[in-house]
């Protein structure tokens, strides 16, 4: 959890109490910067822990960043939403349709690929390429293999710990920066 400490809020209140709107501006800007750090560091952490590129994560994700006033002060939220990501977007081999090839995939970075006995890579008429398997002995229907969603990957304890640490660093630096900025007349 990322927070502006009570001591930091007290310091902002003490120094900026005579500046109209200064307290809210300083805290809002600090939270906004922390939110942006959470967004970028989460994407970076996901691509470090998981065998997926940032481009593939972004293609399957909606990210909403909000800063809003609340009864208890100013609250920042970063929401990651989206469906499970097709396994094909992770570390899959082969990457193009090849007959009679053993398909293998890895979701976590650094792990070897796991072979999938009855899987195949196919390009659909829509242009979508994916990793599939037949649901029965007939040619159709088929189902696509899916990996975790971005929200699930963002909730990984390794990703979370690093993101929280970086965001807290930003808050600690940004509070002081915003105080100085507003006192020097750049807060309007």
N, C-alpha and C. Protein backbone atom coordinates (compact mmCIF):
# COMPACT_ATOMS: atom_id res chain seq x y z
N UNK A 1 0.83 -1.18 0.00
CA UNK A 1 0.00 0.00 0.00
C UNK A 1 0.88 1.24 0.00
N UNK A 2 0.51 2.20 -0.81
CA UNK A 2 1.27 3.43 -0.95
C UNK A 2 0.55 4.54 -0.20
N UNK A 3 1.28 5.28 0.62
CA UNK A 3 0.62 6.33 1.39
C UNK A 3 1.50 7.56 1.53
N UNK A 4 0.82 8.68 1.66
CA UNK A 4 1.49 9.88 2.11
C UNK A 4 1.35 9.84 3.62
N UNK A 5 2.46 9.82 4.32
CA UNK A 5 2.42 9.63 5.77
C UNK A 5 1.78 10.83 6.46
N UNK A 6 1.34 10.60 7.68
CA UNK A 6 0.74 11.67 8.48
C UNK A 6 1.75 12.80 8.69
N UNK A 7 3.02 12.43 8.85
CA UNK A 7 4.07 13.44 9.03
C UNK A 7 4.21 14.30 7.77
N UNK A 8 4.15 13.66 6.59
CA UNK A 8 4.26 14.41 5.34
C UNK A 8 3.06 15.35 5.16
N UNK A 9 1.88 14.87 5.48
CA UNK A 9 0.67 15.70 5.37
C UNK A 9 0.76 16.87 6.34
N UNK A 10 1.21 16.60 7.56
CA UNK A 10 1.36 17.66 8.56
C UNK A 10 2.36 18.71 8.08
N UNK A 11 3.46 18.25 7.49
CA UNK A 11 4.48 19.17 6.97
C UNK A 11 3.91 20.04 5.86
N UNK A 12 3.17 19.43 4.92
CA UNK A 12 2.53 20.19 3.84
C UNK A 12 1.56 21.20 4.43
N UNK A 13 0.73 20.79 5.38
CA UNK A 13 -0.23 21.69 6.03
C UNK A 13 0.48 22.87 6.71
N UNK A 14 1.55 22.57 7.42
CA UNK A 14 2.27 23.61 8.16
C UNK A 14 2.91 24.63 7.21
N UNK A 15 3.56 24.14 6.16
CA UNK A 15 4.28 25.04 5.26
C UNK A 15 3.36 25.77 4.29
N UNK A 16 2.32 25.10 3.81
CA UNK A 16 1.48 25.68 2.76
C UNK A 16 0.12 26.19 3.26
N UNK A 17 -0.08 26.25 4.56
CA UNK A 17 -1.39 26.67 5.08
C UNK A 17 -1.78 28.08 4.64
N UNK A 18 -0.81 28.94 4.40
CA UNK A 18 -1.11 30.31 3.98
C UNK A 18 -1.24 30.47 2.48
N UNK A 19 -1.03 29.42 1.72
CA UNK A 19 -1.12 29.49 0.25
C UNK A 19 -2.49 28.95 -0.17
N UNK A 20 -3.33 29.80 -0.77
CA UNK A 20 -4.66 29.34 -1.18
C UNK A 20 -4.57 28.13 -2.14
N UNK A 21 -5.19 27.04 -1.74
CA UNK A 21 -5.22 25.82 -2.57
C UNK A 21 -3.90 25.08 -2.62
N UNK A 22 -2.90 25.57 -1.90
CA UNK A 22 -1.56 24.98 -1.97
C UNK A 22 -1.49 23.56 -1.44
N UNK A 23 -2.20 23.31 -0.36
CA UNK A 23 -2.16 21.98 0.25
C UNK A 23 -2.73 20.94 -0.71
N UNK A 24 -3.93 21.22 -1.24
CA UNK A 24 -4.56 20.26 -2.16
C UNK A 24 -3.73 20.09 -3.43
N UNK A 25 -3.17 21.19 -3.96
CA UNK A 25 -2.35 21.09 -5.18
C UNK A 25 -1.13 20.20 -4.94
N UNK A 26 -0.47 20.41 -3.81
CA UNK A 26 0.74 19.63 -3.52
C UNK A 26 0.40 18.15 -3.37
N UNK A 27 -0.66 17.85 -2.61
CA UNK A 27 -1.02 16.45 -2.39
C UNK A 27 -1.56 15.80 -3.65
N UNK A 28 -2.38 16.52 -4.42
CA UNK A 28 -2.93 15.97 -5.67
C UNK A 28 -1.83 15.65 -6.67
N UNK A 29 -0.90 16.57 -6.82
CA UNK A 29 0.20 16.35 -7.76
C UNK A 29 1.07 15.17 -7.32
N UNK A 30 1.29 15.07 -6.03
CA UNK A 30 2.08 13.95 -5.49
C UNK A 30 1.40 12.62 -5.79
N UNK A 31 0.10 12.55 -5.52
CA UNK A 31 -0.66 11.32 -5.78
C UNK A 31 -0.69 11.01 -7.28
N UNK A 32 -0.88 12.02 -8.10
CA UNK A 32 -0.93 11.81 -9.55
C UNK A 32 0.40 11.23 -10.06
N UNK A 33 1.51 11.76 -9.57
CA UNK A 33 2.82 11.23 -9.98
C UNK A 33 3.02 9.80 -9.48
N UNK A 34 2.57 9.53 -8.26
CA UNK A 34 2.68 8.17 -7.73
C UNK A 34 1.83 7.20 -8.56
N UNK A 35 0.63 7.63 -8.97
CA UNK A 35 -0.22 6.80 -9.83
C UNK A 35 0.47 6.48 -11.14
N UNK A 36 1.08 7.48 -11.76
CA UNK A 36 1.79 7.25 -13.03
C UNK A 36 2.95 6.29 -12.83
N UNK A 37 3.61 6.39 -11.69
CA UNK A 37 4.70 5.46 -11.38
C UNK A 37 4.15 4.05 -11.21
N UNK A 38 3.02 3.91 -10.53
CA UNK A 38 2.40 2.60 -10.35
C UNK A 38 2.08 1.98 -11.72
N UNK A 39 1.48 2.77 -12.60
CA UNK A 39 1.13 2.26 -13.93
C UNK A 39 2.38 1.78 -14.68
N UNK A 40 3.39 2.63 -14.79
CA UNK A 40 4.56 2.26 -15.59
C UNK A 40 5.38 1.16 -14.93
N UNK A 41 5.53 1.20 -13.61
CA UNK A 41 6.32 0.17 -12.92
C UNK A 41 5.60 -1.18 -12.92
N UNK A 42 4.27 -1.17 -12.90
CA UNK A 42 3.53 -2.43 -12.96
C UNK A 42 3.75 -3.09 -14.31
N UNK A 43 3.65 -2.32 -15.39
CA UNK A 43 3.90 -2.89 -16.72
C UNK A 43 5.33 -3.41 -16.82
N UNK A 44 6.27 -2.67 -16.29
CA UNK A 44 7.67 -3.09 -16.29
C UNK A 44 7.85 -4.38 -15.47
N UNK A 45 7.22 -4.43 -14.30
CA UNK A 45 7.31 -5.61 -13.44
C UNK A 45 6.69 -6.84 -14.08
N UNK A 46 5.55 -6.64 -14.75
CA UNK A 46 4.90 -7.76 -15.42
C UNK A 46 5.82 -8.37 -16.47
N UNK A 47 6.46 -7.51 -17.26
CA UNK A 47 7.32 -8.03 -18.33
C UNK A 47 8.63 -8.59 -17.80
N UNK A 48 8.96 -8.30 -16.55
CA UNK A 48 10.13 -8.89 -15.92
C UNK A 48 9.80 -10.28 -15.37
N UNK A 49 8.64 -10.41 -14.76
CA UNK A 49 8.24 -11.67 -14.11
C UNK A 49 7.63 -12.65 -15.11
N UNK A 50 6.91 -12.12 -16.09
CA UNK A 50 6.20 -12.98 -17.05
C UNK A 50 6.86 -12.92 -18.43
N UNK A 51 6.69 -13.98 -19.18
CA UNK A 51 7.29 -14.10 -20.52
C UNK A 51 6.37 -13.45 -21.55
N UNK A 52 6.18 -12.14 -21.44
CA UNK A 52 5.30 -11.40 -22.33
C UNK A 52 5.89 -10.02 -22.54
N UNK A 53 5.66 -9.45 -23.70
CA UNK A 53 6.18 -8.11 -23.99
C UNK A 53 5.20 -7.05 -23.50
N UNK A 54 5.69 -5.85 -23.29
CA UNK A 54 4.84 -4.73 -22.87
C UNK A 54 3.78 -4.47 -23.93
N UNK A 55 4.15 -4.58 -25.20
CA UNK A 55 3.19 -4.37 -26.29
C UNK A 55 2.04 -5.36 -26.20
N UNK A 56 2.33 -6.61 -25.92
CA UNK A 56 1.28 -7.63 -25.81
C UNK A 56 0.41 -7.42 -24.57
N UNK A 57 1.00 -6.92 -23.50
CA UNK A 57 0.21 -6.61 -22.30
C UNK A 57 -0.73 -5.46 -22.62
N UNK A 58 -0.20 -4.39 -23.21
CA UNK A 58 -1.01 -3.20 -23.49
C UNK A 58 -2.14 -3.51 -24.48
N UNK A 59 -1.91 -4.43 -25.42
CA UNK A 59 -2.92 -4.77 -26.42
C UNK A 59 -4.15 -5.41 -25.79
N UNK A 60 -3.99 -6.01 -24.63
CA UNK A 60 -5.07 -6.76 -23.99
C UNK A 60 -5.57 -6.12 -22.69
N UNK A 61 -5.19 -4.85 -22.45
CA UNK A 61 -5.44 -4.25 -21.15
C UNK A 61 -6.06 -2.87 -21.25
N UNK A 62 -6.93 -2.57 -20.31
CA UNK A 62 -7.42 -1.21 -20.10
C UNK A 62 -6.85 -0.76 -18.76
N UNK A 63 -6.17 0.39 -18.77
CA UNK A 63 -5.60 0.92 -17.54
C UNK A 63 -6.27 2.26 -17.27
N UNK A 64 -6.84 2.41 -16.09
CA UNK A 64 -7.47 3.66 -15.68
C UNK A 64 -6.73 4.20 -14.47
N UNK A 65 -6.32 5.47 -14.57
CA UNK A 65 -5.63 6.14 -13.47
C UNK A 65 -6.52 7.27 -13.00
N UNK A 66 -6.79 7.32 -11.69
CA UNK A 66 -7.67 8.35 -11.14
C UNK A 66 -7.07 8.95 -9.88
N UNK A 67 -7.27 10.25 -9.74
CA UNK A 67 -6.96 10.96 -8.51
C UNK A 67 -8.23 11.70 -8.14
N UNK A 68 -8.72 11.49 -6.94
CA UNK A 68 -9.97 12.14 -6.55
C UNK A 68 -9.98 12.49 -5.08
N UNK A 69 -10.77 13.50 -4.76
CA UNK A 69 -10.94 13.89 -3.36
C UNK A 69 -11.89 12.90 -2.70
N UNK A 70 -11.65 12.67 -1.43
CA UNK A 70 -12.51 11.78 -0.66
C UNK A 70 -12.64 12.35 0.74
N UNK A 71 -13.49 11.76 1.54
CA UNK A 71 -13.70 12.25 2.91
C UNK A 71 -12.39 12.27 3.70
N UNK A 72 -11.55 11.29 3.46
CA UNK A 72 -10.30 11.19 4.21
C UNK A 72 -9.14 11.91 3.56
N UNK A 73 -9.34 12.62 2.46
CA UNK A 73 -8.25 13.32 1.78
C UNK A 73 -8.28 13.06 0.30
N UNK A 74 -7.12 12.85 -0.28
CA UNK A 74 -7.00 12.62 -1.71
C UNK A 74 -6.61 11.17 -1.94
N UNK A 75 -7.31 10.52 -2.85
CA UNK A 75 -7.10 9.10 -3.10
C UNK A 75 -6.67 8.91 -4.55
N UNK A 76 -5.67 8.08 -4.75
CA UNK A 76 -5.23 7.74 -6.10
C UNK A 76 -5.48 6.27 -6.34
N UNK A 77 -5.97 5.94 -7.52
CA UNK A 77 -6.19 4.54 -7.87
C UNK A 77 -5.69 4.26 -9.28
N UNK A 78 -5.18 3.07 -9.47
CA UNK A 78 -4.78 2.59 -10.78
C UNK A 78 -5.49 1.25 -10.95
N UNK A 79 -6.35 1.16 -11.97
CA UNK A 79 -7.12 -0.06 -12.22
C UNK A 79 -6.65 -0.73 -13.50
N UNK A 80 -6.33 -2.00 -13.40
CA UNK A 80 -5.96 -2.80 -14.56
C UNK A 80 -7.14 -3.72 -14.86
N UNK A 81 -7.67 -3.63 -16.06
CA UNK A 81 -8.81 -4.46 -16.43
C UNK A 81 -8.56 -5.11 -17.78
N UNK A 82 -9.20 -6.21 -17.97
CA UNK A 82 -9.08 -6.93 -19.24
C UNK A 82 -9.33 -8.40 -19.02
N UNK A 83 -9.51 -9.09 -20.11
CA UNK A 83 -9.76 -10.53 -20.07
C UNK A 83 -8.44 -11.27 -19.97
N UNK A 84 -8.55 -12.56 -19.82
CA UNK A 84 -7.34 -13.38 -19.86
C UNK A 84 -6.66 -13.16 -21.20
N UNK A 85 -5.35 -13.16 -21.18
CA UNK A 85 -4.57 -12.90 -22.39
C UNK A 85 -4.32 -14.23 -23.09
N UNK A 86 -4.53 -14.28 -24.41
CA UNK A 86 -4.25 -15.53 -25.13
C UNK A 86 -2.82 -16.01 -24.87
N UNK A 87 -2.68 -17.29 -24.60
CA UNK A 87 -1.37 -17.87 -24.30
C UNK A 87 -0.37 -17.60 -25.43
N UNK A 88 -0.88 -17.46 -26.62
CA UNK A 88 -0.03 -17.19 -27.78
C UNK A 88 0.80 -15.92 -27.61
N UNK A 89 0.31 -14.96 -26.80
CA UNK A 89 1.04 -13.70 -26.60
C UNK A 89 2.22 -13.86 -25.64
N UNK A 90 2.32 -15.02 -25.01
CA UNK A 90 3.45 -15.29 -24.12
C UNK A 90 4.55 -15.97 -24.94
N UNK A 91 5.47 -16.64 -24.29
CA UNK A 91 6.60 -17.27 -24.96
C UNK A 91 6.18 -18.62 -25.55
N UNK A 92 5.75 -18.59 -26.79
CA UNK A 92 5.23 -19.79 -27.46
C UNK A 92 6.13 -20.14 -28.65
N UNK A 93 6.28 -21.43 -28.87
CA UNK A 93 7.03 -21.92 -30.03
C UNK A 93 6.29 -23.12 -30.60
N UNK A 94 6.11 -23.18 -31.88
CA UNK A 94 6.44 -22.19 -32.91
C UNK A 94 5.46 -21.01 -32.85
N UNK A 95 5.80 -19.94 -33.54
CA UNK A 95 4.95 -18.75 -33.54
C UNK A 95 4.09 -18.65 -34.79
N UNK A 96 4.33 -19.54 -35.74
CA UNK A 96 3.52 -19.56 -36.97
C UNK A 96 2.94 -20.97 -37.14
N UNK A 97 1.84 -21.07 -37.87
CA UNK A 97 1.25 -22.41 -38.08
C UNK A 97 2.22 -23.33 -38.83
N UNK A 98 2.53 -24.47 -38.21
CA UNK A 98 3.38 -25.49 -38.82
C UNK A 98 2.71 -26.83 -38.53
N UNK A 99 2.53 -27.64 -39.56
CA UNK A 99 1.90 -28.93 -39.34
C UNK A 99 2.85 -29.86 -38.59
N UNK A 100 2.26 -30.61 -37.69
CA UNK A 100 2.95 -31.64 -36.91
C UNK A 100 4.12 -31.10 -36.08
N UNK A 101 3.99 -29.91 -35.58
CA UNK A 101 5.01 -29.35 -34.69
C UNK A 101 4.53 -29.49 -33.25
N UNK A 102 5.43 -29.80 -32.35
CA UNK A 102 5.08 -29.81 -30.95
C UNK A 102 5.07 -28.37 -30.46
N UNK A 103 3.95 -27.96 -29.90
CA UNK A 103 3.81 -26.60 -29.42
C UNK A 103 4.20 -26.57 -27.94
N UNK A 104 4.99 -25.54 -27.58
CA UNK A 104 5.37 -25.37 -26.19
C UNK A 104 5.18 -23.91 -25.81
N UNK A 105 4.97 -23.68 -24.51
CA UNK A 105 4.73 -22.32 -24.04
C UNK A 105 5.24 -22.14 -22.62
N UNK A 106 5.61 -20.88 -22.31
CA UNK A 106 6.01 -20.50 -20.95
C UNK A 106 5.29 -19.21 -20.60
N UNK A 107 4.72 -19.15 -19.42
CA UNK A 107 4.06 -17.94 -18.95
C UNK A 107 5.02 -17.11 -18.11
N UNK A 108 5.82 -17.75 -17.28
CA UNK A 108 6.78 -17.05 -16.44
C UNK A 108 8.11 -16.89 -17.16
N UNK A 109 8.72 -15.73 -17.01
CA UNK A 109 10.03 -15.48 -17.61
C UNK A 109 11.07 -16.36 -16.94
N UNK A 110 12.03 -16.82 -17.70
CA UNK A 110 13.10 -17.63 -17.12
C UNK A 110 12.76 -19.10 -16.96
N UNK A 111 11.49 -19.46 -17.13
CA UNK A 111 11.13 -20.87 -17.04
C UNK A 111 11.22 -21.49 -18.43
N UNK A 112 11.55 -22.76 -18.48
CA UNK A 112 11.53 -23.45 -19.76
C UNK A 112 10.09 -23.59 -20.24
N UNK A 113 9.94 -23.83 -21.50
CA UNK A 113 8.59 -24.00 -22.06
C UNK A 113 8.06 -25.38 -21.72
N UNK A 114 6.75 -25.45 -21.55
CA UNK A 114 6.05 -26.71 -21.30
C UNK A 114 5.44 -27.18 -22.62
N UNK A 115 5.68 -28.43 -23.02
CA UNK A 115 5.07 -28.92 -24.26
C UNK A 115 3.58 -29.22 -24.07
N UNK A 116 2.80 -28.94 -25.10
CA UNK A 116 1.37 -29.22 -25.11
C UNK A 116 1.14 -30.24 -26.22
N UNK A 117 0.75 -31.45 -25.84
CA UNK A 117 0.67 -32.57 -26.78
C UNK A 117 -0.27 -32.35 -27.94
N UNK A 118 -1.47 -31.90 -27.67
CA UNK A 118 -2.47 -31.80 -28.74
C UNK A 118 -2.72 -30.37 -29.19
N UNK A 119 -1.83 -29.47 -28.88
CA UNK A 119 -2.01 -28.06 -29.25
C UNK A 119 -1.49 -27.80 -30.66
N UNK A 120 -2.01 -26.74 -31.24
CA UNK A 120 -1.53 -26.32 -32.55
C UNK A 120 -1.66 -24.80 -32.67
N UNK A 121 -0.88 -24.22 -33.53
CA UNK A 121 -0.93 -22.79 -33.82
C UNK A 121 -1.75 -22.63 -35.09
N UNK A 122 -2.70 -21.71 -35.07
CA UNK A 122 -3.54 -21.49 -36.25
C UNK A 122 -3.83 -20.01 -36.42
N UNK A 123 -4.02 -19.62 -37.66
CA UNK A 123 -4.44 -18.25 -37.98
C UNK A 123 -5.89 -18.33 -38.44
N UNK A 124 -6.75 -17.63 -37.73
CA UNK A 124 -8.17 -17.66 -38.02
C UNK A 124 -8.49 -16.74 -39.21
N UNK A 125 -9.67 -16.88 -39.77
CA UNK A 125 -10.08 -16.02 -40.89
C UNK A 125 -10.09 -14.55 -40.50
N UNK A 126 -10.30 -14.28 -39.22
CA UNK A 126 -10.31 -12.89 -38.73
C UNK A 126 -8.91 -12.28 -38.73
N UNK A 127 -7.88 -13.12 -38.89
CA UNK A 127 -6.51 -12.65 -38.83
C UNK A 127 -5.84 -12.94 -37.49
N UNK A 128 -6.64 -13.35 -36.49
CA UNK A 128 -6.11 -13.66 -35.17
C UNK A 128 -5.32 -14.96 -35.22
N UNK A 129 -4.12 -14.94 -34.69
CA UNK A 129 -3.31 -16.15 -34.56
C UNK A 129 -3.33 -16.55 -33.09
N UNK A 130 -3.44 -17.84 -32.84
CA UNK A 130 -3.50 -18.30 -31.46
C UNK A 130 -3.03 -19.72 -31.31
N UNK A 131 -3.02 -20.17 -30.07
CA UNK A 131 -2.66 -21.55 -29.72
C UNK A 131 -3.95 -22.25 -29.30
N UNK A 132 -4.29 -23.33 -30.01
CA UNK A 132 -5.59 -23.97 -29.85
C UNK A 132 -5.45 -25.46 -29.60
N UNK A 133 -6.59 -26.06 -29.21
CA UNK A 133 -6.72 -27.51 -29.15
C UNK A 133 -8.14 -27.87 -29.57
N UNK A 134 -8.30 -29.07 -30.07
CA UNK A 134 -9.62 -29.54 -30.45
C UNK A 134 -10.38 -29.96 -29.18
N UNK A 135 -11.68 -29.69 -29.17
CA UNK A 135 -12.49 -30.04 -28.01
C UNK A 135 -12.92 -31.50 -28.02
N UNK A 136 -12.75 -32.17 -29.14
CA UNK A 136 -13.13 -33.57 -29.25
C UNK A 136 -12.33 -34.22 -30.35
N UNK A 137 -12.83 -35.31 -30.85
CA UNK A 137 -12.11 -36.02 -31.91
C UNK A 137 -12.39 -35.43 -33.28
N UNK A 138 -13.40 -34.57 -33.38
CA UNK A 138 -13.72 -33.95 -34.67
C UNK A 138 -12.86 -32.71 -34.88
N UNK A 139 -12.88 -32.23 -36.09
CA UNK A 139 -12.09 -31.06 -36.45
C UNK A 139 -12.52 -29.81 -35.69
N UNK A 140 -13.82 -29.64 -35.54
CA UNK A 140 -14.37 -28.50 -34.80
C UNK A 140 -15.28 -29.03 -33.71
N UNK A 141 -15.48 -28.39 -32.63
CA UNK A 141 -15.01 -27.07 -32.24
C UNK A 141 -13.59 -27.12 -31.68
N UNK A 142 -12.97 -25.94 -31.62
CA UNK A 142 -11.66 -25.81 -31.01
C UNK A 142 -11.75 -24.74 -29.91
N UNK A 143 -10.80 -24.78 -28.97
CA UNK A 143 -10.75 -23.75 -27.93
C UNK A 143 -9.32 -23.23 -27.84
N UNK A 144 -9.23 -21.98 -27.46
CA UNK A 144 -7.93 -21.32 -27.37
C UNK A 144 -7.38 -21.42 -25.96
N UNK A 145 -6.08 -21.65 -25.85
CA UNK A 145 -5.40 -21.64 -24.56
C UNK A 145 -5.24 -20.19 -24.12
N UNK A 146 -5.49 -19.96 -22.84
CA UNK A 146 -5.40 -18.60 -22.32
C UNK A 146 -4.42 -18.55 -21.15
N UNK A 147 -3.76 -17.41 -21.02
CA UNK A 147 -2.87 -17.15 -19.88
C UNK A 147 -3.61 -16.27 -18.88
N UNK A 148 -2.91 -15.73 -17.91
CA UNK A 148 -3.55 -14.86 -16.92
C UNK A 148 -3.91 -13.50 -17.51
N UNK A 149 -4.78 -12.78 -16.83
CA UNK A 149 -5.12 -11.41 -17.24
C UNK A 149 -4.06 -10.46 -16.68
N UNK A 150 -4.06 -9.23 -17.17
CA UNK A 150 -3.12 -8.24 -16.65
C UNK A 150 -3.37 -7.98 -15.17
N UNK A 151 -4.62 -7.94 -14.76
CA UNK A 151 -4.94 -7.72 -13.35
C UNK A 151 -4.34 -8.84 -12.49
N UNK A 152 -4.42 -10.07 -12.96
CA UNK A 152 -3.84 -11.19 -12.21
C UNK A 152 -2.31 -11.05 -12.13
N UNK A 153 -1.69 -10.69 -13.25
CA UNK A 153 -0.23 -10.53 -13.25
C UNK A 153 0.19 -9.35 -12.38
N UNK A 154 -0.58 -8.26 -12.40
CA UNK A 154 -0.26 -7.08 -11.58
C UNK A 154 -0.36 -7.42 -10.10
N UNK A 155 -1.18 -8.40 -9.74
CA UNK A 155 -1.34 -8.81 -8.35
C UNK A 155 -0.27 -9.77 -7.86
N UNK A 156 0.67 -10.16 -8.72
CA UNK A 156 1.76 -11.04 -8.32
C UNK A 156 2.56 -10.37 -7.21
N UNK A 157 2.89 -11.10 -6.16
CA UNK A 157 3.57 -10.52 -5.00
C UNK A 157 4.92 -9.89 -5.35
N UNK A 158 5.64 -10.46 -6.29
CA UNK A 158 6.93 -9.89 -6.70
C UNK A 158 6.71 -8.56 -7.42
N UNK A 159 5.74 -8.52 -8.31
CA UNK A 159 5.42 -7.29 -9.04
C UNK A 159 4.96 -6.23 -8.05
N UNK A 160 4.03 -6.59 -7.15
CA UNK A 160 3.49 -5.64 -6.18
C UNK A 160 4.56 -5.04 -5.27
N UNK A 161 5.44 -5.86 -4.75
CA UNK A 161 6.47 -5.38 -3.82
C UNK A 161 7.35 -4.32 -4.48
N UNK A 162 7.77 -4.58 -5.69
CA UNK A 162 8.64 -3.63 -6.40
C UNK A 162 7.89 -2.34 -6.73
N UNK A 163 6.66 -2.47 -7.17
CA UNK A 163 5.84 -1.30 -7.52
C UNK A 163 5.61 -0.43 -6.29
N UNK A 164 5.25 -1.04 -5.18
CA UNK A 164 5.00 -0.27 -3.95
C UNK A 164 6.25 0.47 -3.50
N UNK A 165 7.39 -0.19 -3.59
CA UNK A 165 8.65 0.45 -3.19
C UNK A 165 8.95 1.66 -4.06
N UNK A 166 8.83 1.51 -5.38
CA UNK A 166 9.11 2.62 -6.30
C UNK A 166 8.12 3.76 -6.11
N UNK A 167 6.86 3.45 -5.95
CA UNK A 167 5.84 4.49 -5.76
C UNK A 167 6.05 5.24 -4.45
N UNK A 168 6.45 4.54 -3.40
CA UNK A 168 6.71 5.20 -2.13
C UNK A 168 7.91 6.14 -2.25
N UNK A 169 8.93 5.73 -3.01
CA UNK A 169 10.08 6.62 -3.26
C UNK A 169 9.62 7.90 -3.96
N UNK A 170 8.74 7.76 -4.95
CA UNK A 170 8.22 8.92 -5.67
C UNK A 170 7.47 9.84 -4.73
N UNK A 171 6.63 9.28 -3.88
CA UNK A 171 5.87 10.09 -2.92
C UNK A 171 6.83 10.85 -2.00
N UNK A 172 7.82 10.17 -1.48
CA UNK A 172 8.76 10.82 -0.55
C UNK A 172 9.49 11.99 -1.21
N UNK A 173 9.92 11.81 -2.45
CA UNK A 173 10.62 12.89 -3.16
C UNK A 173 9.65 13.98 -3.61
N UNK A 174 8.48 13.55 -4.08
CA UNK A 174 7.54 14.49 -4.70
C UNK A 174 6.92 15.45 -3.70
N UNK A 175 6.67 15.02 -2.48
CA UNK A 175 6.09 15.92 -1.48
C UNK A 175 6.99 17.14 -1.32
N UNK A 176 8.28 16.91 -1.14
CA UNK A 176 9.22 18.03 -0.98
C UNK A 176 9.29 18.88 -2.25
N UNK A 177 9.31 18.24 -3.39
CA UNK A 177 9.35 18.96 -4.67
C UNK A 177 8.13 19.86 -4.83
N UNK A 178 6.96 19.35 -4.51
CA UNK A 178 5.72 20.13 -4.67
C UNK A 178 5.66 21.31 -3.70
N UNK A 179 6.15 21.12 -2.48
CA UNK A 179 6.21 22.23 -1.53
C UNK A 179 7.07 23.35 -2.11
N UNK A 180 8.26 23.00 -2.57
CA UNK A 180 9.18 23.99 -3.15
C UNK A 180 8.57 24.65 -4.38
N UNK A 181 7.96 23.87 -5.22
CA UNK A 181 7.36 24.36 -6.46
C UNK A 181 6.26 25.39 -6.17
N UNK A 182 5.40 25.09 -5.24
CA UNK A 182 4.29 25.99 -4.90
C UNK A 182 4.82 27.26 -4.22
N UNK A 183 5.78 27.11 -3.32
CA UNK A 183 6.35 28.28 -2.65
C UNK A 183 7.07 29.21 -3.63
N UNK A 184 7.59 28.65 -4.71
CA UNK A 184 8.27 29.45 -5.73
C UNK A 184 7.32 29.99 -6.79
N UNK A 185 6.01 29.77 -6.60
CA UNK A 185 5.03 30.35 -7.50
C UNK A 185 4.66 29.54 -8.71
N UNK A 186 5.04 28.24 -8.75
CA UNK A 186 4.73 27.42 -9.91
C UNK A 186 3.54 26.50 -9.70
N UNK A 187 2.76 26.71 -8.67
CA UNK A 187 1.64 25.83 -8.37
C UNK A 187 0.32 26.24 -8.98
N UNK A 188 0.27 27.34 -9.71
CA UNK A 188 -0.99 27.84 -10.26
C UNK A 188 -1.26 27.24 -11.53
